[in-house]
Amino acid sequence: MDMGGWLNEESSIILTRILLAAFLAGLVGIEREYKRHPAGFRTHLLVGIGACLAMVMALFGFQGYLENNSEYVRYDPSRLASYVISGVGFLGAGTIIVQGVSIKGLTTAASIWVVAAIGLAAGAGMYFPAVFTTIIVLLSLFFLNNVDRLFKSSQSEKAVISIEKSRMSLSSILDVFESHGLRIEKVRGSVAQEEGRELVVYVIHFNPPPHFQTSTIYDHLLHHDGVVQLEIEISGD
């Protein structure tokens, strides 16, 4: 078999770009895999390669056809890239998990979207932007994941609220927190039985604004008939 028919200069360029996209996207995927996110190494690798292949196909796949029909065809390779970017959004949305008021997976969805862009850049031959973007992404994922703590209150608080399921709902509790301008961080719930009553116990982590008086929301919640027990724990960062 004659390998020289397809291992030409153009094929070498295409191979280099796909391998670079695989390497860069794989680096981002390793970080996600290390932190045990649902979309890890293989997902990011495949997204990066697929985006790169789409870009390479847009640049090299239709040259013969365009040369033979140059009088009738007007071709813009960036259109295929735009479809890749919008299409990857659906894949990223699948990694987002909503649990009550807690949302997980946004960073993974963003990393999937950006590796698609990295793949497109590598496919277009923009090596420096692809490598530089990968470095920024890795630095942000490894070292900037706790930067949001700088903007939070110096104290975090936890409220443990037991309510009668038939007389009060979680939405009513969250309305009370929101009316006082409290930022909900996480909500967990469990069911318990007490004296023949079915109770729901919610553990709510929240950040109060500066100089907030915890007793205000404590009194407000206790005025609800459905609240059986309430505990608020204050802990400094």
Protein backbone atom coordinates (compact mmCIF):
# COMPACT_ATOMS: atom_id res chain seq x y z
CA MET A 1 0.00 0.00 0.00
CA ASP A 2 1.35 3.38 -1.00
CA MET A 3 1.33 5.60 2.09
CA GLY A 4 2.66 8.61 0.24
CA GLY A 5 -0.72 9.23 -1.36
CA TRP A 6 -2.21 10.60 1.81
CA LEU A 7 0.78 11.30 4.08
CA ASN A 8 1.50 14.60 2.37
CA GLU A 9 2.15 18.05 3.81
CA GLU A 10 -1.53 18.81 4.23
CA SER A 11 -2.14 15.53 6.06
CA SER A 12 0.78 16.27 8.39
CA ILE A 13 -0.74 19.65 9.24
CA ILE A 14 -4.12 18.07 9.95
CA LEU A 15 -2.55 15.34 12.09
CA THR A 16 -0.57 17.88 14.09
CA ARG A 17 -3.64 19.98 14.79
CA ILE A 18 -5.78 17.04 15.89
CA LEU A 19 -3.05 15.71 18.18
CA LEU A 20 -2.54 19.16 19.71
CA ALA A 21 -6.29 19.53 20.31
CA ALA A 22 -6.38 16.08 21.93
CA PHE A 23 -3.45 16.95 24.19
CA LEU A 24 -4.80 20.33 25.31
CA ALA A 25 -8.38 19.16 25.81
CA GLY A 26 -7.08 16.09 27.63
CA LEU A 27 -5.17 18.27 30.10
CA VAL A 28 -8.38 20.04 31.07
CA GLY A 29 -10.18 16.70 31.27
CA ILE A 30 -7.55 15.27 33.64
CA GLU A 31 -8.27 18.06 36.13
CA ARG A 32 -12.02 17.32 35.96
CA GLU A 33 -11.33 13.58 36.29
CA TYR A 34 -9.10 14.19 39.31
CA LYS A 35 -11.93 16.04 41.05
CA ARG A 36 -14.39 13.25 40.13
CA HIS A 37 -16.74 15.30 37.99
CA PRO A 38 -19.19 13.45 35.70
CA ALA A 39 -17.53 14.78 32.54
CA GLY A 40 -13.87 13.89 32.84
CA PHE A 41 -10.86 13.04 30.71
CA ARG A 42 -12.54 11.13 27.89
CA THR A 43 -15.43 13.59 27.51
CA HIS A 44 -13.15 16.62 27.23
CA LEU A 45 -10.78 14.75 24.93
CA LEU A 46 -13.58 13.76 22.57
CA VAL A 47 -15.08 17.25 22.54
CA GLY A 48 -11.70 18.81 21.74
CA ILE A 49 -10.94 16.33 18.96
CA GLY A 50 -14.43 16.62 17.50
CA ALA A 51 -14.28 20.41 17.42
CA CYS A 52 -10.83 20.30 15.86
CA LEU A 53 -11.94 17.82 13.22
CA ALA A 54 -14.92 20.03 12.35
CA MET A 55 -12.61 23.03 11.93
CA VAL A 56 -10.09 21.04 9.86
CA MET A 57 -12.91 19.72 7.70
CA ALA A 58 -14.18 23.25 7.18
CA LEU A 59 -10.72 24.41 6.08
CA PHE A 60 -9.51 21.45 4.01
CA GLY A 61 -12.47 19.21 3.31
CA PHE A 62 -14.09 21.14 0.47
CA GLN A 63 -11.13 22.56 -1.41
CA GLY A 64 -11.59 20.37 -4.49
CA TYR A 65 -15.28 21.14 -4.70
CA LEU A 66 -14.68 24.87 -4.26
CA GLU A 67 -12.01 24.93 -6.94
CA ASN A 68 -14.31 23.18 -9.41
CA ASN A 69 -17.28 25.42 -8.62
CA SER A 70 -15.62 28.70 -7.73
CA GLU A 71 -18.03 30.67 -9.94
CA TYR A 72 -21.13 29.44 -8.12
CA VAL A 73 -20.13 28.73 -4.52
CA ARG A 74 -19.36 31.23 -1.77
CA TYR A 75 -18.00 29.41 1.27
CA ASP A 76 -17.34 30.66 4.81
CA PRO A 77 -15.51 28.07 7.00
CA SER A 78 -16.35 29.99 10.18
CA ARG A 79 -20.01 28.97 9.85
CA LEU A 80 -19.18 25.37 10.72
CA ALA A 81 -17.26 26.55 13.77
CA SER A 82 -20.25 28.55 14.98
CA TYR A 83 -22.44 25.45 14.81
CA VAL A 84 -19.91 23.55 16.93
CA ILE A 85 -19.96 26.22 19.64
CA SER A 86 -23.76 26.30 19.83
CA GLY A 87 -24.06 22.51 19.67
CA VAL A 88 -21.63 21.91 22.52
CA GLY A 89 -23.93 23.98 24.73
CA PHE A 90 -26.40 21.09 24.82
CA LEU A 91 -23.68 18.72 26.00
CA GLY A 92 -22.60 21.14 28.70
CA ALA A 93 -26.18 21.56 29.90
CA GLY A 94 -26.29 17.83 30.58
CA THR A 95 -23.54 18.16 33.20
CA ILE A 96 -25.46 20.74 35.25
CA ILE A 97 -27.27 19.25 38.26
CA VAL A 98 -29.92 21.21 40.16
CA GLN A 99 -30.66 20.05 43.70
CA GLY A 100 -33.13 22.39 45.35
CA VAL A 101 -31.45 25.77 45.31
CA SER A 102 -28.00 24.21 44.91
CA ILE A 103 -26.54 24.07 41.40
CA LYS A 104 -23.57 21.88 40.50
CA GLY A 105 -21.71 21.33 37.26
CA LEU A 106 -21.51 24.88 35.93
CA THR A 107 -17.70 24.83 35.90
CA THR A 108 -17.63 21.49 34.09
CA ALA A 109 -20.12 22.79 31.53
CA ALA A 110 -17.90 25.83 30.99
CA SER A 111 -14.80 23.66 30.64
CA ILE A 112 -16.53 21.53 27.99
CA TRP A 113 -17.46 24.66 26.08
CA VAL A 114 -13.94 26.09 26.27
CA VAL A 115 -12.23 22.87 25.14
CA ALA A 116 -14.46 22.98 22.08
CA ALA A 117 -13.14 26.47 21.39
CA ILE A 118 -9.59 25.23 22.02
CA GLY A 119 -10.19 22.44 19.51
CA LEU A 120 -11.45 24.92 16.94
CA ALA A 121 -8.41 27.13 17.49
CA ALA A 122 -6.05 24.19 17.07
CA GLY A 123 -7.94 23.09 13.96
CA ALA A 124 -7.58 26.57 12.50
CA GLY A 125 -3.83 26.52 13.10
CA MET A 126 -3.93 29.10 15.89
CA TYR A 127 -1.50 27.21 18.08
CA PHE A 128 -0.46 29.99 20.41
CA PRO A 129 -4.04 31.04 21.36
CA ALA A 130 -4.96 27.38 21.89
CA VAL A 131 -2.01 26.70 24.19
CA PHE A 132 -2.32 30.00 26.04
CA THR A 133 -6.05 29.47 26.63
CA THR A 134 -5.39 25.98 27.96
CA ILE A 135 -2.85 27.34 30.44
CA ILE A 136 -5.34 29.95 31.69
CA VAL A 137 -8.09 27.32 32.01
CA LEU A 138 -5.85 24.97 34.00
CA LEU A 139 -4.66 27.75 36.28
CA SER A 140 -8.23 28.82 36.97
CA LEU A 141 -9.41 25.27 37.68
CA PHE A 142 -6.50 24.36 39.95
CA PHE A 143 -5.79 27.59 41.80
CA LEU A 144 -8.84 29.88 41.55
CA ASN A 145 -11.57 27.51 42.73
CA ASN A 146 -11.67 29.13 46.18
CA VAL A 147 -11.38 32.77 45.11
CA ASP A 148 -15.12 33.31 45.67
CA ARG A 149 -14.49 33.07 49.41
CA LEU A 150 -12.86 36.50 49.27
CA PHE A 151 -16.23 38.02 48.41
CA LYS A 152 -18.27 36.21 51.02
CA SER A 153 -19.13 37.29 54.51
CA SER A 154 -16.55 36.53 57.20
CA GLN A 155 -19.12 34.30 58.92
CA SER A 156 -21.07 31.37 57.59
CA GLU A 157 -24.20 30.18 59.34
CA LYS A 158 -26.20 26.98 59.40
CA ALA A 159 -29.88 26.70 60.23
CA VAL A 160 -31.48 23.38 61.17
CA ILE A 161 -35.24 23.68 60.78
CA SER A 162 -37.78 20.96 61.60
CA ILE A 163 -41.21 21.56 60.09
CA GLU A 164 -44.50 19.71 59.76
CA LYS A 165 -44.70 18.57 56.17
CA SER A 166 -48.44 19.21 55.91
CA ARG A 167 -48.27 22.77 57.30
CA MET A 168 -45.17 24.32 55.71
CA SER A 169 -42.97 23.95 52.64
CA LEU A 170 -39.35 24.58 51.72
CA SER A 171 -40.35 27.43 49.46
CA SER A 172 -41.93 29.23 52.42
CA ILE A 173 -38.68 28.92 54.38
CA LEU A 174 -36.57 30.16 51.47
CA ASP A 175 -38.92 33.13 51.04
CA VAL A 176 -38.12 34.15 54.61
CA PHE A 177 -34.38 33.93 53.96
CA GLU A 178 -34.64 35.89 50.71
CA SER A 179 -36.76 38.59 52.33
CA HIS A 180 -33.84 39.26 54.69
CA GLY A 181 -31.28 39.37 51.87
CA LEU A 182 -29.57 36.13 52.87
CA ARG A 183 -27.52 34.17 50.34
CA ILE A 184 -28.33 30.46 50.34
CA GLU A 185 -25.27 28.25 49.84
CA LYS A 186 -26.62 24.73 50.25
CA VAL A 187 -29.82 22.95 51.33
CA ARG A 188 -30.17 19.37 52.58
CA GLY A 189 -33.37 17.68 53.68
CA SER A 190 -34.45 14.51 55.48
CA VAL A 191 -37.69 13.02 56.78
CA ALA A 192 -38.29 12.08 60.42
CA GLN A 193 -41.16 10.82 62.58
CA GLU A 194 -41.97 12.39 65.93
CA GLU A 195 -45.05 11.60 68.07
CA GLY A 196 -47.00 10.38 65.08
CA ARG A 197 -46.16 13.45 63.02
CA GLU A 198 -44.16 13.42 59.79
CA LEU A 199 -41.45 16.04 60.02
CA VAL A 200 -39.04 17.34 57.42
CA VAL A 201 -35.65 18.50 58.69
CA TYR A 202 -33.85 21.01 56.49
CA VAL A 203 -30.20 21.98 56.98
CA ILE A 204 -29.63 25.34 55.30
CA HIS A 205 -26.17 26.89 54.92
CA PHE A 206 -26.24 30.61 54.24
CA ASN A 207 -24.10 33.75 54.30
CA PRO A 208 -25.58 36.79 56.01
CA PRO A 209 -24.75 40.35 54.97
CA PRO A 210 -22.46 42.44 57.21
CA HIS A 211 -23.92 43.43 60.60
CA PHE A 212 -26.91 41.14 60.13
CA GLN A 213 -28.75 40.27 63.35
CA THR A 214 -29.39 36.53 63.36
CA SER A 215 -32.14 36.95 65.93
CA THR A 216 -34.24 38.72 63.29
CA ILE A 217 -34.69 35.68 61.08
CA TYR A 218 -34.85 33.43 64.16
CA ASP A 219 -37.91 35.29 65.45
CA HIS A 220 -39.44 35.44 61.99
CA LEU A 221 -39.23 31.69 61.44
CA LEU A 222 -40.54 30.83 64.90
CA HIS A 223 -43.73 32.78 64.16
CA HIS A 224 -44.66 30.18 61.52
CA ASP A 225 -47.01 27.55 62.93
CA GLY A 226 -45.37 24.81 60.88
CA VAL A 227 -41.95 25.23 62.49
CA VAL A 228 -41.42 22.62 65.23
CA GLN A 229 -37.76 23.23 66.06
CA LEU A 230 -35.12 25.73 64.94
CA GLU A 231 -31.39 25.87 65.57
CA ILE A 232 -28.96 28.37 64.03
CA GLU A 233 -25.23 27.75 64.30
CA ILE A 234 -22.69 30.52 63.68
CA SER A 235 -19.14 29.63 62.66
CA GLY A 236 -16.33 31.89 61.50
CA ASP A 237 -14.38 31.16 58.30
